[in-house]
């Protein structure tokens, strides 16, 4: 192959690598706003000093009061909501007011 073809192939591959890297970084940045799967920190805090089966509550980031029952997971307790939102999302029909 001529050196011009090799240089053209190298430039195309380098460009593809840059585009791919940008897409990967963008995808990773897009997920940075998502909370990890599982109970929020407030659900654990609400059950501090309580026993499994005790009632507890906390205010969610939207200012709504979430009520529920403490459940043991490993060595920790967390609040399981009485009316959990579908798919982990808060909706008007599941707000505890």
C-alpha atoms as a PDB file:
ATOM      1  CA  UNK A   1       0.000   0.000   0.000  1.00  0.00           C
ATOM      2  CA  UNK A   2       1.128   3.486  -0.627  1.00  0.00           C
ATOM      3  CA  UNK A   3       1.947   5.790   2.252  1.00  0.00           C
ATOM      4  CA  UNK A   4      -0.989   8.050   1.292  1.00  0.00           C
ATOM      5  CA  UNK A   5      -3.478   5.169   1.715  1.00  0.00           C
ATOM      6  CA  UNK A   6      -1.903   4.175   5.023  1.00  0.00           C
ATOM      7  CA  UNK A   7      -2.093   7.774   6.271  1.00  0.00           C
ATOM      8  CA  UNK A   8      -5.740   8.053   5.161  1.00  0.00           C
ATOM      9  CA  UNK A   9      -6.638   4.807   6.961  1.00  0.00           C
ATOM     10  CA  UNK A  10      -4.808   5.986  10.076  1.00  0.00           C
ATOM     11  CA  UNK A  11      -6.671   9.305  10.040  1.00  0.00           C
ATOM     12  CA  UNK A  12     -10.037   7.557   9.613  1.00  0.00           C
ATOM     13  CA  UNK A  13      -9.292   5.152  12.478  1.00  0.00           C
ATOM     14  CA  UNK A  14      -8.120   7.986  14.705  1.00  0.00           C
ATOM     15  CA  UNK A  15     -11.292   9.950  13.925  1.00  0.00           C
ATOM     16  CA  UNK A  16     -13.436   6.909  14.701  1.00  0.00           C
ATOM     17  CA  UNK A  17     -11.645   6.444  18.020  1.00  0.00           C
ATOM     18  CA  UNK A  18     -12.249  10.096  18.948  1.00  0.00           C
ATOM     19  CA  UNK A  19     -15.954   9.871  18.063  1.00  0.00           C
ATOM     20  CA  UNK A  20     -16.366   6.588  19.957  1.00  0.00           C
ATOM     21  CA  UNK A  21     -14.584   8.025  23.002  1.00  0.00           C
ATOM     22  CA  UNK A  22     -16.841  11.078  22.960  1.00  0.00           C
ATOM     23  CA  UNK A  23     -19.951   8.906  22.809  1.00  0.00           C
ATOM     24  CA  UNK A  24     -18.769   6.778  25.724  1.00  0.00           C
ATOM     25  CA  UNK A  25     -18.017   9.874  27.827  1.00  0.00           C
ATOM     26  CA  UNK A  26     -21.382  11.419  26.978  1.00  0.00           C
ATOM     27  CA  UNK A  27     -23.225   8.230  27.919  1.00  0.00           C
ATOM     28  CA  UNK A  28     -21.348   8.012  31.213  1.00  0.00           C
ATOM     29  CA  UNK A  29     -22.082  11.661  32.008  1.00  0.00           C
ATOM     30  CA  UNK A  30     -25.770  11.130  31.228  1.00  0.00           C
ATOM     31  CA  UNK A  31     -26.007   8.470  33.930  1.00  0.00           C
ATOM     32  CA  UNK A  32     -24.328  10.604  36.575  1.00  0.00           C
ATOM     33  CA  UNK A  33     -27.664  12.146  37.606  1.00  0.00           C
ATOM     34  CA  UNK A  34     -29.230   8.791  38.342  1.00  0.00           C
ATOM     35  CA  UNK A  35     -29.348   7.458  41.862  1.00  0.00           C
ATOM     36  CA  UNK A  36     -27.923   3.968  42.367  1.00  0.00           C
ATOM     37  CA  UNK A  37     -30.490   1.180  42.515  1.00  0.00           C
ATOM     38  CA  UNK A  38     -31.907   0.516  45.969  1.00  0.00           C
ATOM     39  CA  UNK A  39     -33.358   2.484  48.852  1.00  0.00           C
ATOM     40  CA  UNK A  40     -32.374   6.148  49.164  1.00  0.00           C
ATOM     41  CA  UNK A  41     -30.184   7.153  52.129  1.00  0.00           C
ATOM     42  CA  UNK A  42     -33.247   8.672  53.853  1.00  0.00           C
ATOM     43  CA  UNK A  43     -34.871   5.228  54.000  1.00  0.00           C
ATOM     44  CA  UNK A  44     -31.965   3.970  56.123  1.00  0.00           C
ATOM     45  CA  UNK A  45     -31.843   7.080  58.302  1.00  0.00           C
ATOM     46  CA  UNK A  46     -35.578   6.845  59.031  1.00  0.00           C
ATOM     47  CA  UNK A  47     -35.097   3.415  60.647  1.00  0.00           C
ATOM     48  CA  UNK A  48     -32.078   4.248  62.813  1.00  0.00           C
ATOM     49  CA  UNK A  49     -32.787   3.195  66.402  1.00  0.00           C
ATOM     50  CA  UNK A  50     -35.826   1.179  65.357  1.00  0.00           C
ATOM     51  CA  UNK A  51     -36.511  -2.557  64.985  1.00  0.00           C
ATOM     52  CA  UNK A  52     -37.728  -4.551  61.998  1.00  0.00           C
ATOM     53  CA  UNK A  53     -41.492  -4.081  61.712  1.00  0.00           C
ATOM     54  CA  UNK A  54     -41.525  -0.623  63.337  1.00  0.00           C
ATOM     55  CA  UNK A  55     -43.306   2.205  61.519  1.00  0.00           C
ATOM     56  CA  UNK A  56     -41.222   5.170  60.336  1.00  0.00           C
ATOM     57  CA  UNK A  57     -41.329   8.097  57.929  1.00  0.00           C
ATOM     58  CA  UNK A  58     -39.122  10.576  56.112  1.00  0.00           C
ATOM     59  CA  UNK A  59     -39.484  13.566  53.798  1.00  0.00           C
ATOM     60  CA  UNK A  60     -38.425  12.826  50.217  1.00  0.00           C
ATOM     61  CA  UNK A  61     -36.556  15.383  48.063  1.00  0.00           C
ATOM     62  CA  UNK A  62     -39.916  16.631  46.729  1.00  0.00           C
ATOM     63  CA  UNK A  63     -41.025  17.492  50.276  1.00  0.00           C
ATOM     64  CA  UNK A  64     -43.588  14.678  50.495  1.00  0.00           C
ATOM     65  CA  UNK A  65     -43.773  12.503  53.603  1.00  0.00           C
ATOM     66  CA  UNK A  66     -43.058   8.838  52.903  1.00  0.00           C
ATOM     67  CA  UNK A  67     -44.431   6.458  55.530  1.00  0.00           C
ATOM     68  CA  UNK A  68     -43.700   2.771  55.823  1.00  0.00           C
ATOM     69  CA  UNK A  69     -42.302  -0.123  57.792  1.00  0.00           C
ATOM     70  CA  UNK A  70     -38.686  -0.844  58.679  1.00  0.00           C
ATOM     71  CA  UNK A  71     -37.287  -3.987  57.098  1.00  0.00           C
ATOM     72  CA  UNK A  72     -33.936  -5.663  57.769  1.00  0.00           C
ATOM     73  CA  UNK A  73     -31.489  -6.082  54.895  1.00  0.00           C
ATOM     74  CA  UNK A  74     -28.305  -7.750  56.070  1.00  0.00           C
ATOM     75  CA  UNK A  75     -27.360  -5.865  59.211  1.00  0.00           C
ATOM     76  CA  UNK A  76     -29.176  -2.644  58.270  1.00  0.00           C
ATOM     77  CA  UNK A  77     -32.775  -1.502  58.500  1.00  0.00           C
ATOM     78  CA  UNK A  78     -34.478   0.572  55.824  1.00  0.00           C
ATOM     79  CA  UNK A  79     -37.972   1.937  55.324  1.00  0.00           C
ATOM     80  CA  UNK A  80     -40.227   0.101  52.870  1.00  0.00           C
ATOM     81  CA  UNK A  81     -42.927   2.579  51.763  1.00  0.00           C
ATOM     82  CA  UNK A  82     -46.582   1.779  52.417  1.00  0.00           C
ATOM     83  CA  UNK A  83     -47.387   3.047  48.896  1.00  0.00           C
ATOM     84  CA  UNK A  84     -44.262   2.625  46.767  1.00  0.00           C
ATOM     85  CA  UNK A  85     -44.218   4.586  43.504  1.00  0.00           C
ATOM     86  CA  UNK A  86     -44.372   2.467  40.338  1.00  0.00           C
ATOM     87  CA  UNK A  87     -40.909   1.692  38.943  1.00  0.00           C
ATOM     88  CA  UNK A  88     -39.295   3.843  41.611  1.00  0.00           C
ATOM     89  CA  UNK A  89     -40.882   7.086  40.407  1.00  0.00           C
ATOM     90  CA  UNK A  90     -42.945   9.488  42.453  1.00  0.00           C
ATOM     91  CA  UNK A  91     -46.343  10.231  40.940  1.00  0.00           C
ATOM     92  CA  UNK A  92     -49.344  12.228  42.138  1.00  0.00           C
ATOM     93  CA  UNK A  93     -51.325   9.045  42.790  1.00  0.00           C
ATOM     94  CA  UNK A  94     -48.646   7.624  45.092  1.00  0.00           C
ATOM     95  CA  UNK A  95     -47.787  10.701  47.136  1.00  0.00           C
ATOM     96  CA  UNK A  96     -48.442  10.408  50.857  1.00  0.00           C
ATOM     97  CA  UNK A  97     -49.896  13.713  51.982  1.00  0.00           C
END
